[in-house]
């Protein structure tokens, strides 16, 4: 009991029973003066800190050169993974999503035109609003894709692995998130028969 009490006394400041992924924890960690690395690129340098190197050496786990080797391997894996993810995302946006959404837009526009031609007094306002939303959405997807291409190319050109990791974390990932948000929004309004991949609803409920 005394040992447990001592452990709690020594390490109480790192114990948090709330949601460790929430903004609440971000604020609490800062208040407690704890290190709070937001992504892998920020966290990996800690692996080669002198404190870390000394710890590995003290217990005969890794030599300093081995620590640095593993650090470089981790950086290389991180940057290559994000490079692949970004390239796949760009390809999917250009060759999968935009063509499918454009086909739906074309068919919707033809429907509006046909109905109005058949019945001049037809109220197609909601269809026209949807078409307008789709046009804005595809423009946003195209713009986000261009941004992602630019950020990806810029990051890929960086030779220093740590700096490259920072670029992927701080520039490429936000660009990927922005593109995903636009496509997710369009998924909610494009008819299922046109959507080129399983929707979230399909994945979650297997409909």
C-alpha atoms as a PDB file:
ATOM      1  CA  UNK A   1       0.000   0.000   0.000  1.00  0.00           C
ATOM      2  CA  UNK A   2       2.770   2.420   0.896  1.00  0.00           C
ATOM      3  CA  UNK A   3       4.484   1.699  -2.437  1.00  0.00           C
ATOM      4  CA  UNK A   4       1.272   2.366  -4.386  1.00  0.00           C
ATOM      5  CA  UNK A   5       0.724   5.534  -2.381  1.00  0.00           C
ATOM      6  CA  UNK A   6       4.238   6.698  -3.232  1.00  0.00           C
ATOM      7  CA  UNK A   7       3.731   5.932  -6.925  1.00  0.00           C
ATOM      8  CA  UNK A   8       0.532   7.953  -7.000  1.00  0.00           C
ATOM      9  CA  UNK A   9       2.204  10.817  -5.181  1.00  0.00           C
ATOM     10  CA  UNK A  10       5.155  10.824  -7.588  1.00  0.00           C
ATOM     11  CA  UNK A  11       3.143  10.497 -10.794  1.00  0.00           C
ATOM     12  CA  UNK A  12      -0.243  11.992 -10.006  1.00  0.00           C
ATOM     13  CA  UNK A  13       0.273  14.875 -12.416  1.00  0.00           C
ATOM     14  CA  UNK A  14       0.183  12.567 -15.459  1.00  0.00           C
ATOM     15  CA  UNK A  15      -3.028  10.756 -14.446  1.00  0.00           C
ATOM     16  CA  UNK A  16      -6.076  11.914 -16.385  1.00  0.00           C
ATOM     17  CA  UNK A  17      -9.352  10.007 -16.287  1.00  0.00           C
ATOM     18  CA  UNK A  18     -11.132  12.042 -18.947  1.00  0.00           C
ATOM     19  CA  UNK A  19     -11.050  11.816 -22.743  1.00  0.00           C
ATOM     20  CA  UNK A  20      -7.391  11.880 -23.728  1.00  0.00           C
ATOM     21  CA  UNK A  21      -8.303  12.899 -27.294  1.00  0.00           C
ATOM     22  CA  UNK A  22     -10.373  15.925 -26.295  1.00  0.00           C
ATOM     23  CA  UNK A  23      -9.543  19.615 -26.146  1.00  0.00           C
ATOM     24  CA  UNK A  24     -10.021  19.301 -22.396  1.00  0.00           C
ATOM     25  CA  UNK A  25      -6.902  17.147 -22.169  1.00  0.00           C
ATOM     26  CA  UNK A  26      -4.919  19.524 -24.372  1.00  0.00           C
ATOM     27  CA  UNK A  27      -5.673  22.326 -21.943  1.00  0.00           C
ATOM     28  CA  UNK A  28      -5.108  20.176 -18.868  1.00  0.00           C
ATOM     29  CA  UNK A  29      -1.744  18.914 -20.131  1.00  0.00           C
ATOM     30  CA  UNK A  30      -0.609  22.489 -20.714  1.00  0.00           C
ATOM     31  CA  UNK A  31      -1.790  23.489 -17.238  1.00  0.00           C
ATOM     32  CA  UNK A  32       0.199  20.634 -15.702  1.00  0.00           C
ATOM     33  CA  UNK A  33       3.290  21.503 -17.706  1.00  0.00           C
ATOM     34  CA  UNK A  34       3.309  18.168 -19.539  1.00  0.00           C
ATOM     35  CA  UNK A  35       4.748  17.641 -22.988  1.00  0.00           C
ATOM     36  CA  UNK A  36       1.932  17.326 -25.501  1.00  0.00           C
ATOM     37  CA  UNK A  37       3.091  16.389 -28.974  1.00  0.00           C
ATOM     38  CA  UNK A  38       0.235  16.756 -31.428  1.00  0.00           C
ATOM     39  CA  UNK A  39       1.512  14.412 -34.116  1.00  0.00           C
ATOM     40  CA  UNK A  40       4.174  11.860 -34.997  1.00  0.00           C
ATOM     41  CA  UNK A  41       6.473  14.453 -36.550  1.00  0.00           C
ATOM     42  CA  UNK A  42       6.574  16.373 -33.263  1.00  0.00           C
ATOM     43  CA  UNK A  43       6.925  13.247 -31.123  1.00  0.00           C
ATOM     44  CA  UNK A  44       9.721  11.404 -32.946  1.00  0.00           C
ATOM     45  CA  UNK A  45      12.549  13.823 -31.981  1.00  0.00           C
ATOM     46  CA  UNK A  46      11.916  12.825 -28.350  1.00  0.00           C
ATOM     47  CA  UNK A  47      13.133   9.348 -29.270  1.00  0.00           C
ATOM     48  CA  UNK A  48      16.629  10.741 -29.896  1.00  0.00           C
ATOM     49  CA  UNK A  49      16.684  13.176 -26.982  1.00  0.00           C
ATOM     50  CA  UNK A  50      19.660  12.795 -24.654  1.00  0.00           C
ATOM     51  CA  UNK A  51      17.342  11.651 -21.879  1.00  0.00           C
ATOM     52  CA  UNK A  52      16.000   8.891 -24.105  1.00  0.00           C
ATOM     53  CA  UNK A  53      19.444   7.847 -25.316  1.00  0.00           C
ATOM     54  CA  UNK A  54      20.732   7.687 -21.725  1.00  0.00           C
ATOM     55  CA  UNK A  55      17.757   5.572 -20.656  1.00  0.00           C
ATOM     56  CA  UNK A  56      18.295   3.015 -23.418  1.00  0.00           C
ATOM     57  CA  UNK A  57      22.033   2.906 -22.697  1.00  0.00           C
ATOM     58  CA  UNK A  58      21.583   2.570 -18.922  1.00  0.00           C
ATOM     59  CA  UNK A  59      19.626  -0.655 -19.299  1.00  0.00           C
ATOM     60  CA  UNK A  60      21.668  -1.983 -22.219  1.00  0.00           C
ATOM     61  CA  UNK A  61      18.738  -1.861 -24.632  1.00  0.00           C
ATOM     62  CA  UNK A  62      20.084   0.245 -27.494  1.00  0.00           C
ATOM     63  CA  UNK A  63      23.297   2.094 -28.230  1.00  0.00           C
ATOM     64  CA  UNK A  64      23.179   5.725 -29.315  1.00  0.00           C
ATOM     65  CA  UNK A  65      23.749   4.793 -32.955  1.00  0.00           C
ATOM     66  CA  UNK A  66      20.977   2.197 -32.766  1.00  0.00           C
ATOM     67  CA  UNK A  67      18.581   4.786 -31.345  1.00  0.00           C
ATOM     68  CA  UNK A  68      19.373   7.163 -34.199  1.00  0.00           C
ATOM     69  CA  UNK A  69      19.000   4.371 -36.765  1.00  0.00           C
ATOM     70  CA  UNK A  70      15.558   3.496 -35.482  1.00  0.00           C
ATOM     71  CA  UNK A  71      14.604   7.163 -35.422  1.00  0.00           C
ATOM     72  CA  UNK A  72      15.514   7.519 -39.092  1.00  0.00           C
ATOM     73  CA  UNK A  73      13.607   4.346 -39.994  1.00  0.00           C
ATOM     74  CA  UNK A  74      10.522   5.645 -38.184  1.00  0.00           C
ATOM     75  CA  UNK A  75      10.776   8.991 -39.986  1.00  0.00           C
ATOM     76  CA  UNK A  76      11.202   7.283 -43.339  1.00  0.00           C
ATOM     77  CA  UNK A  77       8.185   5.042 -42.721  1.00  0.00           C
ATOM     78  CA  UNK A  78       6.042   7.996 -41.589  1.00  0.00           C
ATOM     79  CA  UNK A  79       6.849  10.196 -44.583  1.00  0.00           C
ATOM     80  CA  UNK A  80       6.500   7.397 -47.124  1.00  0.00           C
ATOM     81  CA  UNK A  81       3.139   6.338 -45.710  1.00  0.00           C
ATOM     82  CA  UNK A  82       1.750   9.873 -45.936  1.00  0.00           C
ATOM     83  CA  UNK A  83       3.242  10.266 -49.396  1.00  0.00           C
ATOM     84  CA  UNK A  84       1.342   7.179 -50.554  1.00  0.00           C
ATOM     85  CA  UNK A  85      -1.891   8.238 -48.834  1.00  0.00           C
ATOM     86  CA  UNK A  86      -1.775  11.702 -50.396  1.00  0.00           C
ATOM     87  CA  UNK A  87      -1.097  10.317 -53.878  1.00  0.00           C
ATOM     88  CA  UNK A  88      -3.937   7.807 -53.588  1.00  0.00           C
ATOM     89  CA  UNK A  89      -6.269  10.545 -52.367  1.00  0.00           C
ATOM     90  CA  UNK A  90      -5.373  12.789 -55.311  1.00  0.00           C
ATOM     91  CA  UNK A  91      -5.907   9.927 -57.757  1.00  0.00           C
ATOM     92  CA  UNK A  92      -9.277   9.019 -56.228  1.00  0.00           C
ATOM     93  CA  UNK A  93     -10.480  12.621 -56.264  1.00  0.00           C
ATOM     94  CA  UNK A  94      -9.535  13.100 -59.907  1.00  0.00           C
ATOM     95  CA  UNK A  95     -10.401   9.714 -61.375  1.00  0.00           C
ATOM     96  CA  UNK A  96     -13.094   8.307 -59.105  1.00  0.00           C
ATOM     97  CA  UNK A  97     -15.092  10.949 -57.243  1.00  0.00           C
ATOM     98  CA  UNK A  98     -15.181  13.917 -59.621  1.00  0.00           C
ATOM     99  CA  UNK A  99     -16.239  11.857 -62.673  1.00  0.00           C
ATOM    100  CA  UNK A 100     -18.991  10.123 -60.669  1.00  0.00           C
ATOM    101  CA  UNK A 101     -20.321  13.380 -59.231  1.00  0.00           C
ATOM    102  CA  UNK A 102     -20.156  15.022 -62.659  1.00  0.00           C
ATOM    103  CA  UNK A 103     -22.241  12.195 -64.132  1.00  0.00           C
ATOM    104  CA  UNK A 104     -24.871  12.694 -61.441  1.00  0.00           C
ATOM    105  CA  UNK A 105     -24.869  16.441 -62.101  1.00  0.00           C
ATOM    106  CA  UNK A 106     -25.315  15.866 -65.829  1.00  0.00           C
ATOM    107  CA  UNK A 107     -28.240  13.499 -65.312  1.00  0.00           C
ATOM    108  CA  UNK A 108     -29.820  15.843 -62.782  1.00  0.00           C
ATOM    109  CA  UNK A 109     -29.482  18.780 -65.190  1.00  0.00           C
ATOM    110  CA  UNK A 110     -31.043  16.709 -67.984  1.00  0.00           C
ATOM    111  CA  UNK A 111     -33.928  15.770 -65.680  1.00  0.00           C
ATOM    112  CA  UNK A 112     -34.579  19.413 -64.829  1.00  0.00           C
ATOM    113  CA  UNK A 113     -34.492  20.403 -68.499  1.00  0.00           C
ATOM    114  CA  UNK A 114     -36.729  17.503 -69.586  1.00  0.00           C
ATOM    115  CA  UNK A 115     -39.367  18.099 -66.925  1.00  0.00           C
ATOM    116  CA  UNK A 116     -39.493  21.825 -67.664  1.00  0.00           C
ATOM    117  CA  UNK A 117     -39.801  21.086 -71.381  1.00  0.00           C
ATOM    118  CA  UNK A 118     -42.668  18.686 -70.763  1.00  0.00           C
ATOM    119  CA  UNK A 119     -44.455  20.811 -68.169  1.00  0.00           C
ATOM    120  CA  UNK A 120     -43.505  24.459 -68.398  1.00  0.00           C
ATOM    121  CA  UNK A 121     -45.064  25.300 -65.043  1.00  0.00           C
ATOM    122  CA  UNK A 122     -43.096  22.620 -63.166  1.00  0.00           C
ATOM    123  CA  UNK A 123     -41.462  23.771 -59.959  1.00  0.00           C
ATOM    124  CA  UNK A 124     -37.929  22.366 -60.052  1.00  0.00           C
ATOM    125  CA  UNK A 125     -36.532  24.746 -57.458  1.00  0.00           C
ATOM    126  CA  UNK A 126     -35.276  22.029 -55.097  1.00  0.00           C
ATOM    127  CA  UNK A 127     -33.612  20.160 -57.940  1.00  0.00           C
ATOM    128  CA  UNK A 128     -31.966  23.371 -59.090  1.00  0.00           C
ATOM    129  CA  UNK A 129     -30.745  24.088 -55.561  1.00  0.00           C
ATOM    130  CA  UNK A 130     -29.249  20.612 -55.392  1.00  0.00           C
ATOM    131  CA  UNK A 131     -27.554  21.088 -58.754  1.00  0.00           C
ATOM    132  CA  UNK A 132     -26.131  24.416 -57.602  1.00  0.00           C
ATOM    133  CA  UNK A 133     -24.844  22.775 -54.416  1.00  0.00           C
ATOM    134  CA  UNK A 134     -23.189  20.031 -56.457  1.00  0.00           C
ATOM    135  CA  UNK A 135     -21.506  22.567 -58.737  1.00  0.00           C
ATOM    136  CA  UNK A 136     -20.092  24.442 -55.745  1.00  0.00           C
ATOM    137  CA  UNK A 137     -19.055  21.164 -54.161  1.00  0.00           C
ATOM    138  CA  UNK A 138     -17.183  19.894 -57.203  1.00  0.00           C
ATOM    139  CA  UNK A 139     -15.420  23.244 -57.536  1.00  0.00           C
ATOM    140  CA  UNK A 140     -14.376  22.956 -53.892  1.00  0.00           C
ATOM    141  CA  UNK A 141     -13.134  19.392 -54.416  1.00  0.00           C
ATOM    142  CA  UNK A 142     -11.111  20.490 -57.438  1.00  0.00           C
ATOM    143  CA  UNK A 143      -9.616  23.407 -55.499  1.00  0.00           C
ATOM    144  CA  UNK A 144      -8.750  21.207 -52.511  1.00  0.00           C
ATOM    145  CA  UNK A 145      -7.172  18.665 -54.848  1.00  0.00           C
ATOM    146  CA  UNK A 146      -4.962  21.344 -56.378  1.00  0.00           C
ATOM    147  CA  UNK A 147      -3.923  22.484 -52.901  1.00  0.00           C
ATOM    148  CA  UNK A 148      -3.105  18.925 -51.863  1.00  0.00           C
ATOM    149  CA  UNK A 149      -1.025  18.384 -55.004  1.00  0.00           C
ATOM    150  CA  UNK A 150       0.963  21.540 -54.292  1.00  0.00           C
ATOM    151  CA  UNK A 151       1.555  20.678 -50.627  1.00  0.00           C
ATOM    152  CA  UNK A 152       2.438  17.075 -51.464  1.00  0.00           C
ATOM    153  CA  UNK A 153       4.927  18.089 -54.149  1.00  0.00           C
ATOM    154  CA  UNK A 154       6.487  20.648 -51.818  1.00  0.00           C
ATOM    155  CA  UNK A 155       6.877  18.127 -48.985  1.00  0.00           C
ATOM    156  CA  UNK A 156       8.192  15.415 -51.283  1.00  0.00           C
ATOM    157  CA  UNK A 157      10.980  17.720 -52.473  1.00  0.00           C
ATOM    158  CA  UNK A 158      12.382  18.261 -48.949  1.00  0.00           C
ATOM    159  CA  UNK A 159      15.549  16.218 -48.400  1.00  0.00           C
ATOM    160  CA  UNK A 160      15.850  16.416 -44.606  1.00  0.00           C
ATOM    161  CA  UNK A 161      13.606  13.658 -43.216  1.00  0.00           C
ATOM    162  CA  UNK A 162      12.605  15.493 -40.047  1.00  0.00           C
ATOM    163  CA  UNK A 163      11.725  18.654 -41.950  1.00  0.00           C
ATOM    164  CA  UNK A 164       9.857  16.551 -44.473  1.00  0.00           C
ATOM    165  CA  UNK A 165       7.901  14.909 -41.646  1.00  0.00           C
ATOM    166  CA  UNK A 166       6.955  18.348 -40.308  1.00  0.00           C
ATOM    167  CA  UNK A 167       5.763  19.371 -43.782  1.00  0.00           C
ATOM    168  CA  UNK A 168       3.585  16.293 -44.112  1.00  0.00           C
ATOM    169  CA  UNK A 169       2.140  16.771 -40.629  1.00  0.00           C
ATOM    170  CA  UNK A 170       1.554  20.517 -40.824  1.00  0.00           C
ATOM    171  CA  UNK A 171       0.703  21.011 -44.515  1.00  0.00           C
ATOM    172  CA  UNK A 172      -0.206  17.762 -46.254  1.00  0.00           C
ATOM    173  CA  UNK A 173      -2.462  16.227 -43.592  1.00  0.00           C
ATOM    174  CA  UNK A 174      -4.588  19.413 -43.228  1.00  0.00           C
ATOM    175  CA  UNK A 175      -4.909  19.533 -47.031  1.00  0.00           C
ATOM    176  CA  UNK A 176      -6.022  15.894 -47.022  1.00  0.00           C
ATOM    177  CA  UNK A 177      -8.536  16.600 -44.257  1.00  0.00           C
ATOM    178  CA  UNK A 178      -9.969  19.542 -46.199  1.00  0.00           C
ATOM    179  CA  UNK A 179     -10.409  17.436 -49.339  1.00  0.00           C
ATOM    180  CA  UNK A 180     -12.010  14.632 -47.379  1.00  0.00           C
ATOM    181  CA  UNK A 181     -14.484  17.039 -45.761  1.00  0.00           C
ATOM    182  CA  UNK A 182     -15.665  18.284 -49.155  1.00  0.00           C
ATOM    183  CA  UNK A 183     -16.104  14.768 -50.535  1.00  0.00           C
ATOM    184  CA  UNK A 184     -17.859  13.593 -47.365  1.00  0.00           C
ATOM    185  CA  UNK A 185     -20.351  16.445 -47.752  1.00  0.00           C
ATOM    186  CA  UNK A 186     -21.101  15.455 -51.345  1.00  0.00           C
ATOM    187  CA  UNK A 187     -21.548  11.813 -50.369  1.00  0.00           C
ATOM    188  CA  UNK A 188     -24.577  12.885 -48.346  1.00  0.00           C
ATOM    189  CA  UNK A 189     -26.418  14.267 -51.393  1.00  0.00           C
ATOM    190  CA  UNK A 190     -25.270  12.175 -54.362  1.00  0.00           C
ATOM    191  CA  UNK A 191     -27.601   9.299 -55.195  1.00  0.00           C
ATOM    192  CA  UNK A 192     -26.208   5.941 -54.033  1.00  0.00           C
ATOM    193  CA  UNK A 193     -26.249   4.418 -57.514  1.00  0.00           C
ATOM    194  CA  UNK A 194     -23.769   7.061 -58.665  1.00  0.00           C
ATOM    195  CA  UNK A 195     -21.405   6.925 -55.694  1.00  0.00           C
ATOM    196  CA  UNK A 196     -18.311   4.968 -56.807  1.00  0.00           C
ATOM    197  CA  UNK A 197     -17.298   3.418 -53.466  1.00  0.00           C
ATOM    198  CA  UNK A 198     -19.174   2.023 -50.446  1.00  0.00           C
ATOM    199  CA  UNK A 199     -20.672   4.847 -48.391  1.00  0.00           C
ATOM    200  CA  UNK A 200     -20.190   5.227 -44.647  1.00  0.00           C
ATOM    201  CA  UNK A 201     -23.701   3.868 -44.230  1.00  0.00           C
ATOM    202  CA  UNK A 202     -22.817   0.797 -46.314  1.00  0.00           C
ATOM    203  CA  UNK A 203     -19.704   0.171 -44.256  1.00  0.00           C
ATOM    204  CA  UNK A 204     -21.352   0.660 -40.867  1.00  0.00           C
ATOM    205  CA  UNK A 205     -24.658  -1.079 -41.495  1.00  0.00           C
ATOM    206  CA  UNK A 206     -23.948  -3.223 -44.580  1.00  0.00           C
ATOM    207  CA  UNK A 207     -27.040  -1.974 -46.387  1.00  0.00           C
END
